[in-house]
Amino acid sequence: MDGPAARVLVVDDDVSLRLLCRVNLELEGFVVREASTIAEADAAVAKERPDVVLLDVHLQADDTRELLQRLRAAGIPVALVTGSADLDDYRGAADALLGKPFEPQTLVETARRLARVDG
């Protein structure tokens, strides 16, 4: 990547999934921040605006729709991550969808596309 590294915020309550995302994205030159709750995500966005957010649909018992709406209203591209069998329920709600499990290359390509980074 040329120029400053794109910033990705990974919002997921699954520590293993956050690690998988972090490692794969950092290997491709992204700067990665993590959040495991809606409050942590809000604080991370307030501290440093990300270029793209990877957002799990469900954080523990919390529904992330309001966070999604705030991010989209702020013009931050969002890729929803879900283990739901029916991805169609989420089509159009975000800039991209990643169904769990996903291939690391799909993750990287999605982050690049949403952050408008050449690979």
PDB file of N, CA and C in Angstrom:
ATOM      1  N   MET A   1       0.835  -1.182   0.000  1.00  0.00           N
ATOM      2  CA  MET A   1       0.000   0.000   0.000  1.00  0.00           C
ATOM      3  C   MET A   1       0.877   1.242   0.000  1.00  0.00           C
ATOM      4  N   ASP A   2       0.550   2.205  -0.821  1.00  0.00           N
ATOM      5  CA  ASP A   2       1.253   3.473  -0.824  1.00  0.00           C
ATOM      6  C   ASP A   2       0.496   4.451   0.060  1.00  0.00           C
ATOM      7  N   GLY A   3       1.231   5.454   0.592  1.00  0.00           N
ATOM      8  CA  GLY A   3       0.575   6.451   1.429  1.00  0.00           C
ATOM      9  C   GLY A   3       0.287   5.909   2.813  1.00  0.00           C
ATOM     10  N   PRO A   4      -0.487   6.681   3.585  1.00  0.00           N
ATOM     11  CA  PRO A   4      -0.787   6.236   4.947  1.00  0.00           C
ATOM     12  C   PRO A   4      -1.633   4.968   4.935  1.00  0.00           C
ATOM     13  N   ALA A   5      -1.397   4.140   5.916  1.00  0.00           N
ATOM     14  CA  ALA A   5      -2.132   2.882   6.024  1.00  0.00           C
ATOM     15  C   ALA A   5      -3.598   3.146   6.352  1.00  0.00           C
ATOM     16  N   ALA A   6      -4.461   2.367   5.728  1.00  0.00           N
ATOM     17  CA  ALA A   6      -5.895   2.474   6.018  1.00  0.00           C
ATOM     18  C   ALA A   6      -6.162   1.906   7.408  1.00  0.00           C
ATOM     19  N   ARG A   7      -7.116   2.531   8.108  1.00  0.00           N
ATOM     20  CA  ARG A   7      -7.462   2.127   9.467  1.00  0.00           C
ATOM     21  C   ARG A   7      -8.755   1.318   9.457  1.00  0.00           C
ATOM     22  N   VAL A   8      -8.689   0.153  10.088  1.00  0.00           N
ATOM     23  CA  VAL A   8      -9.845  -0.735  10.187  1.00  0.00           C
ATOM     24  C   VAL A   8     -10.188  -0.934  11.660  1.00  0.00           C
ATOM     25  N   LEU A   9     -11.464  -0.816  11.975  1.00  0.00           N
ATOM     26  CA  LEU A   9     -11.957  -1.141  13.316  1.00  0.00           C
ATOM     27  C   LEU A   9     -12.717  -2.454  13.214  1.00  0.00           C
ATOM     28  N   VAL A  10     -12.271  -3.455  13.969  1.00  0.00           N
ATOM     29  CA  VAL A  10     -12.925  -4.755  14.004  1.00  0.00           C
ATOM     30  C   VAL A  10     -13.754  -4.818  15.283  1.00  0.00           C
ATOM     31  N   VAL A  11     -15.072  -4.941  15.121  1.00  0.00           N
ATOM     32  CA  VAL A  11     -15.989  -4.961  16.261  1.00  0.00           C
ATOM     33  C   VAL A  11     -16.633  -6.341  16.324  1.00  0.00           C
ATOM     34  N   ASP A  12     -16.165  -7.142  17.285  1.00  0.00           N
ATOM     35  CA  ASP A  12     -16.671  -8.511  17.437  1.00  0.00           C
ATOM     36  C   ASP A  12     -16.385  -8.965  18.857  1.00  0.00           C
ATOM     37  N   ASP A  13     -17.317  -9.692  19.462  1.00  0.00           N
ATOM     38  CA  ASP A  13     -17.092 -10.179  20.815  1.00  0.00           C
ATOM     39  C   ASP A  13     -16.309 -11.492  20.853  1.00  0.00           C
ATOM     40  N   ASP A  14     -15.992 -12.041  19.697  1.00  0.00           N
ATOM     41  CA  ASP A  14     -15.223 -13.283  19.598  1.00  0.00           C
ATOM     42  C   ASP A  14     -13.740 -12.927  19.457  1.00  0.00           C
ATOM     43  N   VAL A  15     -12.975 -13.156  20.509  1.00  0.00           N
ATOM     44  CA  VAL A  15     -11.564 -12.781  20.520  1.00  0.00           C
ATOM     45  C   VAL A  15     -10.795 -13.498  19.413  1.00  0.00           C
ATOM     46  N   SER A  16     -11.139 -14.729  19.102  1.00  0.00           N
ATOM     47  CA  SER A  16     -10.444 -15.472  18.048  1.00  0.00           C
ATOM     48  C   SER A  16     -10.692 -14.851  16.681  1.00  0.00           C
ATOM     49  N   LEU A  17     -11.908 -14.425  16.437  1.00  0.00           N
ATOM     50  CA  LEU A  17     -12.219 -13.804  15.155  1.00  0.00           C
ATOM     51  C   LEU A  17     -11.515 -12.452  15.028  1.00  0.00           C
ATOM     52  N   ARG A  18     -11.476 -11.692  16.123  1.00  0.00           N
ATOM     53  CA  ARG A  18     -10.754 -10.419  16.080  1.00  0.00           C
ATOM     54  C   ARG A  18      -9.273 -10.647  15.770  1.00  0.00           C
ATOM     55  N   LEU A  19      -8.685 -11.669  16.380  1.00  0.00           N
ATOM     56  CA  LEU A  19      -7.281 -11.986  16.131  1.00  0.00           C
ATOM     57  C   LEU A  19      -7.068 -12.378  14.670  1.00  0.00           C
ATOM     58  N   LEU A  20      -7.943 -13.222  14.140  1.00  0.00           N
ATOM     59  CA  LEU A  20      -7.849 -13.631  12.743  1.00  0.00           C
ATOM     60  C   LEU A  20      -7.888 -12.413  11.825  1.00  0.00           C
ATOM     61  N   CYS A  21      -8.822 -11.520  12.078  1.00  0.00           N
ATOM     62  CA  CYS A  21      -8.940 -10.299  11.275  1.00  0.00           C
ATOM     63  C   CYS A  21      -7.691  -9.439  11.413  1.00  0.00           C
ATOM     64  N   ARG A  22      -7.260  -9.228  12.655  1.00  0.00           N
ATOM     65  CA  ARG A  22      -6.091  -8.384  12.907  1.00  0.00           C
ATOM     66  C   ARG A  22      -4.867  -8.898  12.156  1.00  0.00           C
ATOM     67  N   VAL A  23      -4.556 -10.158  12.312  1.00  0.00           N
ATOM     68  CA  VAL A  23      -3.356 -10.724  11.701  1.00  0.00           C
ATOM     69  C   VAL A  23      -3.406 -10.585  10.180  1.00  0.00           C
ATOM     70  N   ASN A  24      -4.516 -10.987   9.585  1.00  0.00           N
ATOM     71  CA  ASN A  24      -4.616 -10.941   8.127  1.00  0.00           C
ATOM     72  C   ASN A  24      -4.588  -9.518   7.588  1.00  0.00           C
ATOM     73  N   LEU A  25      -5.246  -8.597   8.258  1.00  0.00           N
ATOM     74  CA  LEU A  25      -5.258  -7.212   7.792  1.00  0.00           C
ATOM     75  C   LEU A  25      -3.910  -6.527   8.016  1.00  0.00           C
ATOM     76  N   GLU A  26      -3.291  -6.771   9.169  1.00  0.00           N
ATOM     77  CA  GLU A  26      -1.983  -6.161   9.421  1.00  0.00           C
ATOM     78  C   GLU A  26      -0.930  -6.669   8.451  1.00  0.00           C
ATOM     79  N   LEU A  27      -1.016  -7.950   8.084  1.00  0.00           N
ATOM     80  CA  LEU A  27      -0.078  -8.495   7.096  1.00  0.00           C
ATOM     81  C   LEU A  27      -0.205  -7.786   5.749  1.00  0.00           C
ATOM     82  N   GLU A  28      -1.360  -7.215   5.493  1.00  0.00           N
ATOM     83  CA  GLU A  28      -1.604  -6.501   4.238  1.00  0.00           C
ATOM     84  C   GLU A  28      -1.413  -4.988   4.379  1.00  0.00           C
ATOM     85  N   GLY A  29      -0.920  -4.544   5.541  1.00  0.00           N
ATOM     86  CA  GLY A  29      -0.571  -3.144   5.714  1.00  0.00           C
ATOM     87  C   GLY A  29      -1.613  -2.260   6.380  1.00  0.00           C
ATOM     88  N   PHE A  30      -2.725  -2.832   6.806  1.00  0.00           N
ATOM     89  CA  PHE A  30      -3.751  -2.052   7.492  1.00  0.00           C
ATOM     90  C   PHE A  30      -3.347  -1.796   8.945  1.00  0.00           C
ATOM     91  N   VAL A  31      -3.824  -0.697   9.501  1.00  0.00           N
ATOM     92  CA  VAL A  31      -3.733  -0.438  10.936  1.00  0.00           C
ATOM     93  C   VAL A  31      -5.059  -0.907  11.521  1.00  0.00           C
ATOM     94  N   VAL A  32      -4.998  -1.795  12.501  1.00  0.00           N
ATOM     95  CA  VAL A  32      -6.215  -2.422  13.023  1.00  0.00           C
ATOM     96  C   VAL A  32      -6.420  -2.057  14.486  1.00  0.00           C
ATOM     97  N   ARG A  33      -7.640  -1.653  14.790  1.00  0.00           N
ATOM     98  CA  ARG A  33      -8.085  -1.445  16.166  1.00  0.00           C
ATOM     99  C   ARG A  33      -9.198  -2.451  16.416  1.00  0.00           C
ATOM    100  N   GLU A  34      -9.410  -2.784  17.673  1.00  0.00           N
ATOM    101  CA  GLU A  34     -10.422  -3.779  18.023  1.00  0.00           C
ATOM    102  C   GLU A  34     -11.381  -3.240  19.071  1.00  0.00           C
ATOM    103  N   ALA A  35     -12.600  -3.750  19.028  1.00  0.00           N
ATOM    104  CA  ALA A  35     -13.605  -3.451  20.050  1.00  0.00           C
ATOM    105  C   ALA A  35     -14.449  -4.703  20.227  1.00  0.00           C
ATOM    106  N   SER A  36     -14.825  -4.973  21.470  1.00  0.00           N
ATOM    107  CA  SER A  36     -15.650  -6.157  21.733  1.00  0.00           C
ATOM    108  C   SER A  36     -17.067  -5.805  22.166  1.00  0.00           C
ATOM    109  N   THR A  37     -17.331  -4.505  22.342  1.00  0.00           N
ATOM    110  CA  THR A  37     -18.660  -4.056  22.752  1.00  0.00           C
ATOM    111  C   THR A  37     -19.034  -2.808  21.948  1.00  0.00           C
ATOM    112  N   ILE A  38     -20.303  -2.448  21.995  1.00  0.00           N
ATOM    113  CA  ILE A  38     -20.757  -1.232  21.327  1.00  0.00           C
ATOM    114  C   ILE A  38     -20.096  -0.008  21.946  1.00  0.00           C
ATOM    115  N   ALA A  39     -19.990   0.020  23.270  1.00  0.00           N
ATOM    116  CA  ALA A  39     -19.347   1.150  23.952  1.00  0.00           C
ATOM    117  C   ALA A  39     -17.885   1.287  23.523  1.00  0.00           C
ATOM    118  N   GLU A  40     -17.165   0.172  23.438  1.00  0.00           N
ATOM    119  CA  GLU A  40     -15.770   0.220  22.987  1.00  0.00           C
ATOM    120  C   GLU A  40     -15.686   0.701  21.545  1.00  0.00           C
ATOM    121  N   ALA A  41     -16.626   0.276  20.715  1.00  0.00           N
ATOM    122  CA  ALA A  41     -16.630   0.709  19.316  1.00  0.00           C
ATOM    123  C   ALA A  41     -16.867   2.213  19.216  1.00  0.00           C
ATOM    124  N   ASP A  42     -17.835   2.716  19.974  1.00  0.00           N
ATOM    125  CA  ASP A  42     -18.108   4.158  19.980  1.00  0.00           C
ATOM    126  C   ASP A  42     -16.879   4.940  20.422  1.00  0.00           C
ATOM    127  N   ALA A  43     -16.208   4.464  21.464  1.00  0.00           N
ATOM    128  CA  ALA A  43     -15.016   5.144  21.972  1.00  0.00           C
ATOM    129  C   ALA A  43     -13.883   5.114  20.941  1.00  0.00           C
ATOM    130  N   ALA A  44     -13.723   3.990  20.269  1.00  0.00           N
ATOM    131  CA  ALA A  44     -12.662   3.865  19.263  1.00  0.00           C
ATOM    132  C   ALA A  44     -12.912   4.813  18.091  1.00  0.00           C
ATOM    133  N   VAL A  45     -14.160   4.924  17.654  1.00  0.00           N
ATOM    134  CA  VAL A  45     -14.503   5.820  16.540  1.00  0.00           C
ATOM    135  C   VAL A  45     -14.305   7.276  16.954  1.00  0.00           C
ATOM    136  N   ALA A  46     -14.654   7.604  18.188  1.00  0.00           N
ATOM    137  CA  ALA A  46     -14.477   8.975  18.675  1.00  0.00           C
ATOM    138  C   ALA A  46     -12.999   9.341  18.765  1.00  0.00           C
ATOM    139  N   LYS A  47     -12.170   8.371  19.111  1.00  0.00           N
ATOM    140  CA  LYS A  47     -10.736   8.618  19.279  1.00  0.00           C
ATOM    141  C   LYS A  47     -10.039   8.770  17.926  1.00  0.00           C
ATOM    142  N   GLU A  48     -10.369   7.888  16.978  1.00  0.00           N
ATOM    143  CA  GLU A  48      -9.725   7.917  15.666  1.00  0.00           C
ATOM    144  C   GLU A  48     -10.675   7.324  14.643  1.00  0.00           C
ATOM    145  N   ARG A  49     -11.118   8.153  13.714  1.00  0.00           N
ATOM    146  CA  ARG A  49     -12.081   7.722  12.697  1.00  0.00           C
ATOM    147  C   ARG A  49     -11.459   6.618  11.832  1.00  0.00           C
ATOM    148  N   PRO A  50     -12.106   5.466  11.779  1.00  0.00           N
ATOM    149  CA  PRO A  50     -11.589   4.398  10.917  1.00  0.00           C
ATOM    150  C   PRO A  50     -11.983   4.635   9.459  1.00  0.00           C
ATOM    151  N   ASP A  51     -11.241   4.025   8.558  1.00  0.00           N
ATOM    152  CA  ASP A  51     -11.582   4.082   7.138  1.00  0.00           C
ATOM    153  C   ASP A  51     -12.659   3.063   6.797  1.00  0.00           C
ATOM    154  N   VAL A  52     -12.744   2.021   7.607  1.00  0.00           N
ATOM    155  CA  VAL A  52     -13.751   0.979   7.420  1.00  0.00           C
ATOM    156  C   VAL A  52     -13.964   0.263   8.753  1.00  0.00           C
ATOM    157  N   VAL A  53     -15.191  -0.219   8.975  1.00  0.00           N
ATOM    158  CA  VAL A  53     -15.516  -0.982  10.183  1.00  0.00           C
ATOM    159  C   VAL A  53     -16.036  -2.348   9.771  1.00  0.00           C
ATOM    160  N   LEU A  54     -15.483  -3.378  10.403  1.00  0.00           N
ATOM    161  CA  LEU A  54     -16.018  -4.734  10.279  1.00  0.00           C
ATOM    162  C   LEU A  54     -16.840  -4.966  11.531  1.00  0.00           C
ATOM    163  N   LEU A  55     -18.150  -5.112  11.378  1.00  0.00           N
ATOM    164  CA  LEU A  55     -19.065  -5.125  12.505  1.00  0.00           C
ATOM    165  C   LEU A  55     -19.841  -6.430  12.581  1.00  0.00           C
ATOM    166  N   ASP A  56     -19.686  -7.145  13.683  1.00  0.00           N
ATOM    167  CA  ASP A  56     -20.473  -8.346  13.922  1.00  0.00           C
ATOM    168  C   ASP A  56     -21.921  -7.921  14.153  1.00  0.00           C
ATOM    169  N   VAL A  57     -22.833  -8.676  13.598  1.00  0.00           N
ATOM    170  CA  VAL A  57     -24.260  -8.336  13.716  1.00  0.00           C
ATOM    171  C   VAL A  57     -24.728  -8.412  15.167  1.00  0.00           C
ATOM    172  N   HIS A  58     -24.236  -9.398  15.910  1.00  0.00           N
ATOM    173  CA  HIS A  58     -24.638  -9.571  17.307  1.00  0.00           C
ATOM    174  C   HIS A  58     -23.410  -9.574  18.201  1.00  0.00           C
ATOM    175  N   LEU A  59     -23.370  -8.637  19.139  1.00  0.00           N
ATOM    176  CA  LEU A  59     -22.318  -8.604  20.150  1.00  0.00           C
ATOM    177  C   LEU A  59     -22.932  -9.068  21.450  1.00  0.00           C
ATOM    178  N   GLN A  60     -22.608 -10.285  21.843  1.00  0.00           N
ATOM    179  CA  GLN A  60     -23.231 -10.915  22.998  1.00  0.00           C
ATOM    180  C   GLN A  60     -24.743 -10.818  22.817  1.00  0.00           C
ATOM    181  N   ALA A  61     -25.451 -10.145  23.681  1.00  0.00           N
ATOM    182  CA  ALA A  61     -26.904 -10.048  23.541  1.00  0.00           C
ATOM    183  C   ALA A  61     -27.319  -8.748  22.852  1.00  0.00           C
ATOM    184  N   ASP A  62     -26.339  -7.916  22.496  1.00  0.00           N
ATOM    185  CA  ASP A  62     -26.645  -6.606  21.932  1.00  0.00           C
ATOM    186  C   ASP A  62     -26.872  -6.663  20.422  1.00  0.00           C
ATOM    187  N   ASP A  63     -27.860  -5.928  19.985  1.00  0.00           N
ATOM    188  CA  ASP A  63     -28.142  -5.753  18.566  1.00  0.00           C
ATOM    189  C   ASP A  63     -27.339  -4.539  18.110  1.00  0.00           C
ATOM    190  N   THR A  64     -26.647  -4.664  17.004  1.00  0.00           N
ATOM    191  CA  THR A  64     -25.750  -3.592  16.570  1.00  0.00           C
ATOM    192  C   THR A  64     -26.370  -2.643  15.541  1.00  0.00           C
ATOM    193  N   ARG A  65     -27.664  -2.701  15.343  1.00  0.00           N
ATOM    194  CA  ARG A  65     -28.302  -1.850  14.320  1.00  0.00           C
ATOM    195  C   ARG A  65     -28.102  -0.355  14.565  1.00  0.00           C
ATOM    196  N   GLU A  66     -28.220   0.081  15.819  1.00  0.00           N
ATOM    197  CA  GLU A  66     -28.038   1.510  16.102  1.00  0.00           C
ATOM    198  C   GLU A  66     -26.601   1.946  15.833  1.00  0.00           C
ATOM    199  N   LEU A  67     -25.631   1.121  16.212  1.00  0.00           N
ATOM    200  CA  LEU A  67     -24.232   1.429  15.919  1.00  0.00           C
ATOM    201  C   LEU A  67     -24.032   1.485  14.405  1.00  0.00           C
ATOM    202  N   LEU A  68     -24.579   0.542  13.694  1.00  0.00           N
ATOM    203  CA  LEU A  68     -24.495   0.539  12.234  1.00  0.00           C
ATOM    204  C   LEU A  68     -25.046   1.842  11.663  1.00  0.00           C
ATOM    205  N   GLN A  69     -26.193   2.274  12.145  1.00  0.00           N
ATOM    206  CA  GLN A  69     -26.807   3.516  11.655  1.00  0.00           C
ATOM    207  C   GLN A  69     -25.915   4.726  11.946  1.00  0.00           C
ATOM    208  N   ARG A  70     -25.307   4.762  13.131  1.00  0.00           N
ATOM    209  CA  ARG A  70     -24.410   5.880  13.475  1.00  0.00           C
ATOM    210  C   ARG A  70     -23.189   5.910  12.553  1.00  0.00           C
ATOM    211  N   LEU A  71     -22.627   4.736  12.307  1.00  0.00           N
ATOM    212  CA  LEU A  71     -21.451   4.651  11.442  1.00  0.00           C
ATOM    213  C   LEU A  71     -21.782   5.084  10.020  1.00  0.00           C
ATOM    214  N   ARG A  72     -22.898   4.585   9.513  1.00  0.00           N
ATOM    215  CA  ARG A  72     -23.308   4.928   8.142  1.00  0.00           C
ATOM    216  C   ARG A  72     -23.626   6.420   8.038  1.00  0.00           C
ATOM    217  N   ALA A  73     -24.282   6.996   9.064  1.00  0.00           N
ATOM    218  CA  ALA A  73     -24.603   8.425   9.052  1.00  0.00           C
ATOM    219  C   ALA A  73     -23.329   9.272   9.051  1.00  0.00           C
ATOM    220  N   ALA A  74     -22.265   8.748   9.659  1.00  0.00           N
ATOM    221  CA  ALA A  74     -20.982   9.451   9.698  1.00  0.00           C
ATOM    222  C   ALA A  74     -20.179   9.237   8.416  1.00  0.00           C
ATOM    223  N   GLY A  75     -20.720   8.439   7.497  1.00  0.00           N
ATOM    224  CA  GLY A  75     -20.037   8.194   6.233  1.00  0.00           C
ATOM    225  C   GLY A  75     -18.919   7.183   6.319  1.00  0.00           C
ATOM    226  N   ILE A  76     -18.929   6.351   7.354  1.00  0.00           N
ATOM    227  CA  ILE A  76     -17.902   5.321   7.523  1.00  0.00           C
ATOM    228  C   ILE A  76     -18.399   4.027   6.877  1.00  0.00           C
ATOM    229  N   PRO A  77     -17.655   3.486   5.914  1.00  0.00           N
ATOM    230  CA  PRO A  77     -18.066   2.228   5.290  1.00  0.00           C
ATOM    231  C   PRO A  77     -18.072   1.086   6.307  1.00  0.00           C
ATOM    232  N   VAL A  78     -19.094   0.231   6.205  1.00  0.00           N
ATOM    233  CA  VAL A  78     -19.259  -0.870   7.155  1.00  0.00           C
ATOM    234  C   VAL A  78     -19.463  -2.189   6.409  1.00  0.00           C
ATOM    235  N   ALA A  79     -18.720  -3.201   6.841  1.00  0.00           N
ATOM    236  CA  ALA A  79     -18.956  -4.569   6.390  1.00  0.00           C
ATOM    237  C   ALA A  79     -19.552  -5.315   7.573  1.00  0.00           C
ATOM    238  N   LEU A  80     -20.769  -5.802   7.415  1.00  0.00           N
ATOM    239  CA  LEU A  80     -21.391  -6.601   8.465  1.00  0.00           C
ATOM    240  C   LEU A  80     -20.858  -8.023   8.402  1.00  0.00           C
ATOM    241  N   VAL A  81     -20.553  -8.563   9.575  1.00  0.00           N
ATOM    242  CA  VAL A  81     -20.070  -9.931   9.694  1.00  0.00           C
ATOM    243  C   VAL A  81     -21.138 -10.716  10.438  1.00  0.00           C
ATOM    244  N   THR A  82     -21.554 -11.836   9.864  1.00  0.00           N
ATOM    245  CA  THR A  82     -22.620 -12.609  10.510  1.00  0.00           C
ATOM    246  C   THR A  82     -22.448 -14.098  10.287  1.00  0.00           C
ATOM    247  N   GLY A  83     -22.852 -14.840  11.277  1.00  0.00           N
ATOM    248  CA  GLY A  83     -22.898 -16.286  11.167  1.00  0.00           C
ATOM    249  C   GLY A  83     -24.292 -16.758  10.816  1.00  0.00           C
ATOM    250  N   SER A  84     -25.192 -15.812  10.574  1.00  0.00           N
ATOM    251  CA  SER A  84     -26.574 -16.132  10.246  1.00  0.00           C
ATOM    252  C   SER A  84     -26.620 -16.925   8.954  1.00  0.00           C
ATOM    253  N   ALA A  85     -27.488 -17.898   8.928  1.00  0.00           N
ATOM    254  CA  ALA A  85     -27.638 -18.719   7.735  1.00  0.00           C
ATOM    255  C   ALA A  85     -28.270 -17.927   6.597  1.00  0.00           C
ATOM    256  N   ASP A  86     -28.999 -16.876   6.920  1.00  0.00           N
ATOM    257  CA  ASP A  86     -29.702 -16.120   5.898  1.00  0.00           C
ATOM    258  C   ASP A  86     -29.108 -14.723   5.735  1.00  0.00           C
ATOM    259  N   LEU A  87     -28.104 -14.627   4.877  1.00  0.00           N
ATOM    260  CA  LEU A  87     -27.464 -13.336   4.629  1.00  0.00           C
ATOM    261  C   LEU A  87     -28.428 -12.345   3.996  1.00  0.00           C
ATOM    262  N   ASP A  88     -29.456 -12.843   3.319  1.00  0.00           N
ATOM    263  CA  ASP A  88     -30.409 -11.953   2.659  1.00  0.00           C
ATOM    264  C   ASP A  88     -31.087 -11.012   3.652  1.00  0.00           C
ATOM    265  N   ASP A  89     -31.195 -11.413   4.909  1.00  0.00           N
ATOM    266  CA  ASP A  89     -31.796 -10.546   5.925  1.00  0.00           C
ATOM    267  C   ASP A  89     -31.020  -9.241   6.091  1.00  0.00           C
ATOM    268  N   TYR A  90     -29.740  -9.250   5.723  1.00  0.00           N
ATOM    269  CA  TYR A  90     -28.872  -8.102   5.960  1.00  0.00           C
ATOM    270  C   TYR A  90     -28.476  -7.370   4.689  1.00  0.00           C
ATOM    271  N   ARG A  91     -28.904  -7.858   3.530  1.00  0.00           N
ATOM    272  CA  ARG A  91     -28.546  -7.194   2.269  1.00  0.00           C
ATOM    273  C   ARG A  91     -29.076  -5.766   2.253  1.00  0.00           C
ATOM    274  N   GLY A  92     -28.224  -4.855   1.849  1.00  0.00           N
ATOM    275  CA  GLY A  92     -28.602  -3.456   1.772  1.00  0.00           C
ATOM    276  C   GLY A  92     -28.436  -2.688   3.073  1.00  0.00           C
ATOM    277  N   ALA A  93     -28.192  -3.400   4.166  1.00  0.00           N
ATOM    278  CA  ALA A  93     -28.047  -2.734   5.463  1.00  0.00           C
ATOM    279  C   ALA A  93     -26.658  -2.120   5.641  1.00  0.00           C
ATOM    280  N   ALA A  94     -25.683  -2.646   4.893  1.00  0.00           N
ATOM    281  CA  ALA A  94     -24.307  -2.178   5.034  1.00  0.00           C
ATOM    282  C   ALA A  94     -23.666  -2.117   3.647  1.00  0.00           C
ATOM    283  N   ASP A  95     -22.412  -1.717   3.615  1.00  0.00           N
ATOM    284  CA  ASP A  95     -21.689  -1.616   2.352  1.00  0.00           C
ATOM    285  C   ASP A  95     -21.232  -2.970   1.834  1.00  0.00           C
ATOM    286  N   ALA A  96     -21.111  -3.943   2.740  1.00  0.00           N
ATOM    287  CA  ALA A  96     -20.690  -5.294   2.361  1.00  0.00           C
ATOM    288  C   ALA A  96     -21.143  -6.271   3.434  1.00  0.00           C
ATOM    289  N   LEU A  97     -21.207  -7.537   3.061  1.00  0.00           N
ATOM    290  CA  LEU A  97     -21.538  -8.619   3.996  1.00  0.00           C
ATOM    291  C   LEU A  97     -20.450  -9.668   3.950  1.00  0.00           C
ATOM    292  N   LEU A  98     -20.061 -10.145   5.124  1.00  0.00           N
ATOM    293  CA  LEU A  98     -19.135 -11.265   5.237  1.00  0.00           C
ATOM    294  C   LEU A  98     -19.818 -12.344   6.067  1.00  0.00           C
ATOM    295  N   GLY A  99     -20.088 -13.476   5.461  1.00  0.00           N
ATOM    296  CA  GLY A  99     -20.681 -14.584   6.197  1.00  0.00           C
ATOM    297  C   GLY A  99     -19.593 -15.410   6.858  1.00  0.00           C
ATOM    298  N   LYS A 100     -19.822 -15.757   8.124  1.00  0.00           N
ATOM    299  CA  LYS A 100     -18.873 -16.616   8.847  1.00  0.00           C
ATOM    300  C   LYS A 100     -19.160 -18.065   8.471  1.00  0.00           C
ATOM    301  N   PRO A 101     -18.157 -18.858   8.258  1.00  0.00           N
ATOM    302  CA  PRO A 101     -16.739 -18.490   8.187  1.00  0.00           C
ATOM    303  C   PRO A 101     -16.432 -17.859   6.827  1.00  0.00           C
ATOM    304  N   PHE A 102     -15.423 -17.009   6.795  1.00  0.00           N
ATOM    305  CA  PHE A 102     -15.020 -16.383   5.532  1.00  0.00           C
ATOM    306  C   PHE A 102     -13.542 -16.641   5.308  1.00  0.00           C
ATOM    307  N   GLU A 103     -13.147 -16.556   4.063  1.00  0.00           N
ATOM    308  CA  GLU A 103     -11.744 -16.734   3.708  1.00  0.00           C
ATOM    309  C   GLU A 103     -10.980 -15.454   4.036  1.00  0.00           C
ATOM    310  N   PRO A 104      -9.763 -15.568   4.568  1.00  0.00           N
ATOM    311  CA  PRO A 104      -8.972 -14.371   4.865  1.00  0.00           C
ATOM    312  C   PRO A 104      -8.818 -13.445   3.660  1.00  0.00           C
ATOM    313  N   GLN A 105      -8.655 -14.005   2.475  1.00  0.00           N
ATOM    314  CA  GLN A 105      -8.492 -13.171   1.285  1.00  0.00           C
ATOM    315  C   GLN A 105      -9.758 -12.354   0.998  1.00  0.00           C
ATOM    316  N   THR A 106     -10.918 -12.928   1.280  1.00  0.00           N
ATOM    317  CA  THR A 106     -12.180 -12.205   1.106  1.00  0.00           C
ATOM    318  C   THR A 106     -12.243 -11.038   2.084  1.00  0.00           C
ATOM    319  N   LEU A 107     -11.795 -11.267   3.305  1.00  0.00           N
ATOM    320  CA  LEU A 107     -11.738 -10.205   4.315  1.00  0.00           C
ATOM    321  C   LEU A 107     -10.867  -9.052   3.830  1.00  0.00           C
ATOM    322  N   VAL A 108      -9.675  -9.374   3.375  1.00  0.00           N
ATOM    323  CA  VAL A 108      -8.723  -8.357   2.921  1.00  0.00           C
ATOM    324  C   VAL A 108      -9.274  -7.605   1.710  1.00  0.00           C
ATOM    325  N   GLU A 109      -9.825  -8.328   0.744  1.00  0.00           N
ATOM    326  CA  GLU A 109     -10.370  -7.685  -0.456  1.00  0.00           C
ATOM    327  C   GLU A 109     -11.531  -6.756  -0.104  1.00  0.00           C
ATOM    328  N   THR A 110     -12.376  -7.187   0.822  1.00  0.00           N
ATOM    329  CA  THR A 110     -13.507  -6.355   1.250  1.00  0.00           C
ATOM    330  C   THR A 110     -13.007  -5.091   1.937  1.00  0.00           C
ATOM    331  N   ALA A 111     -12.047  -5.233   2.837  1.00  0.00           N
ATOM    332  CA  ALA A 111     -11.491  -4.067   3.534  1.00  0.00           C
ATOM    333  C   ALA A 111     -10.834  -3.102   2.555  1.00  0.00           C
ATOM    334  N   ARG A 112     -10.085  -3.632   1.596  1.00  0.00           N
ATOM    335  CA  ARG A 112      -9.455  -2.774   0.589  1.00  0.00           C
ATOM    336  C   ARG A 112     -10.499  -2.004  -0.214  1.00  0.00           C
ATOM    337  N   ARG A 113     -11.513  -2.724  -0.656  1.00  0.00           N
ATOM    338  CA  ARG A 113     -12.542  -2.097  -1.491  1.00  0.00           C
ATOM    339  C   ARG A 113     -13.257  -0.985  -0.719  1.00  0.00           C
ATOM    340  N   LEU A 114     -13.650  -1.263   0.519  1.00  0.00           N
ATOM    341  CA  LEU A 114     -14.394  -0.272   1.295  1.00  0.00           C
ATOM    342  C   LEU A 114     -13.524   0.902   1.721  1.00  0.00           C
ATOM    343  N   ALA A 115     -12.254   0.639   1.976  1.00  0.00           N
ATOM    344  CA  ALA A 115     -11.340   1.708   2.377  1.00  0.00           C
ATOM    345  C   ALA A 115     -10.752   2.418   1.154  1.00  0.00           C
ATOM    346  N   ARG A 116     -11.111   1.909  -0.031  1.00  0.00           N
ATOM    347  CA  ARG A 116     -10.621   2.462  -1.301  1.00  0.00           C
ATOM    348  C   ARG A 116      -9.097   2.450  -1.359  1.00  0.00           C
ATOM    349  N   VAL A 117      -8.560   1.263  -1.073  1.00  0.00           N
ATOM    350  CA  VAL A 117      -7.108   1.053  -1.079  1.00  0.00           C
ATOM    351  C   VAL A 117      -6.767   0.128  -2.240  1.00  0.00           C
ATOM    352  N   ASP A 118      -5.749   0.496  -2.996  1.00  0.00           N
ATOM    353  CA  ASP A 118      -5.297  -0.376  -4.081  1.00  0.00           C
ATOM    354  C   ASP A 118      -4.480  -1.515  -3.498  1.00  0.00           C
ATOM    355  N   GLY A 119      -4.676  -2.704  -4.025  1.00  0.00           N
ATOM    356  CA  GLY A 119      -3.963  -3.871  -3.525  1.00  0.00           C
ATOM    357  C   GLY A 119      -2.909  -4.257  -4.446  1.00  0.00           C
TER     358      GLY A 119
END
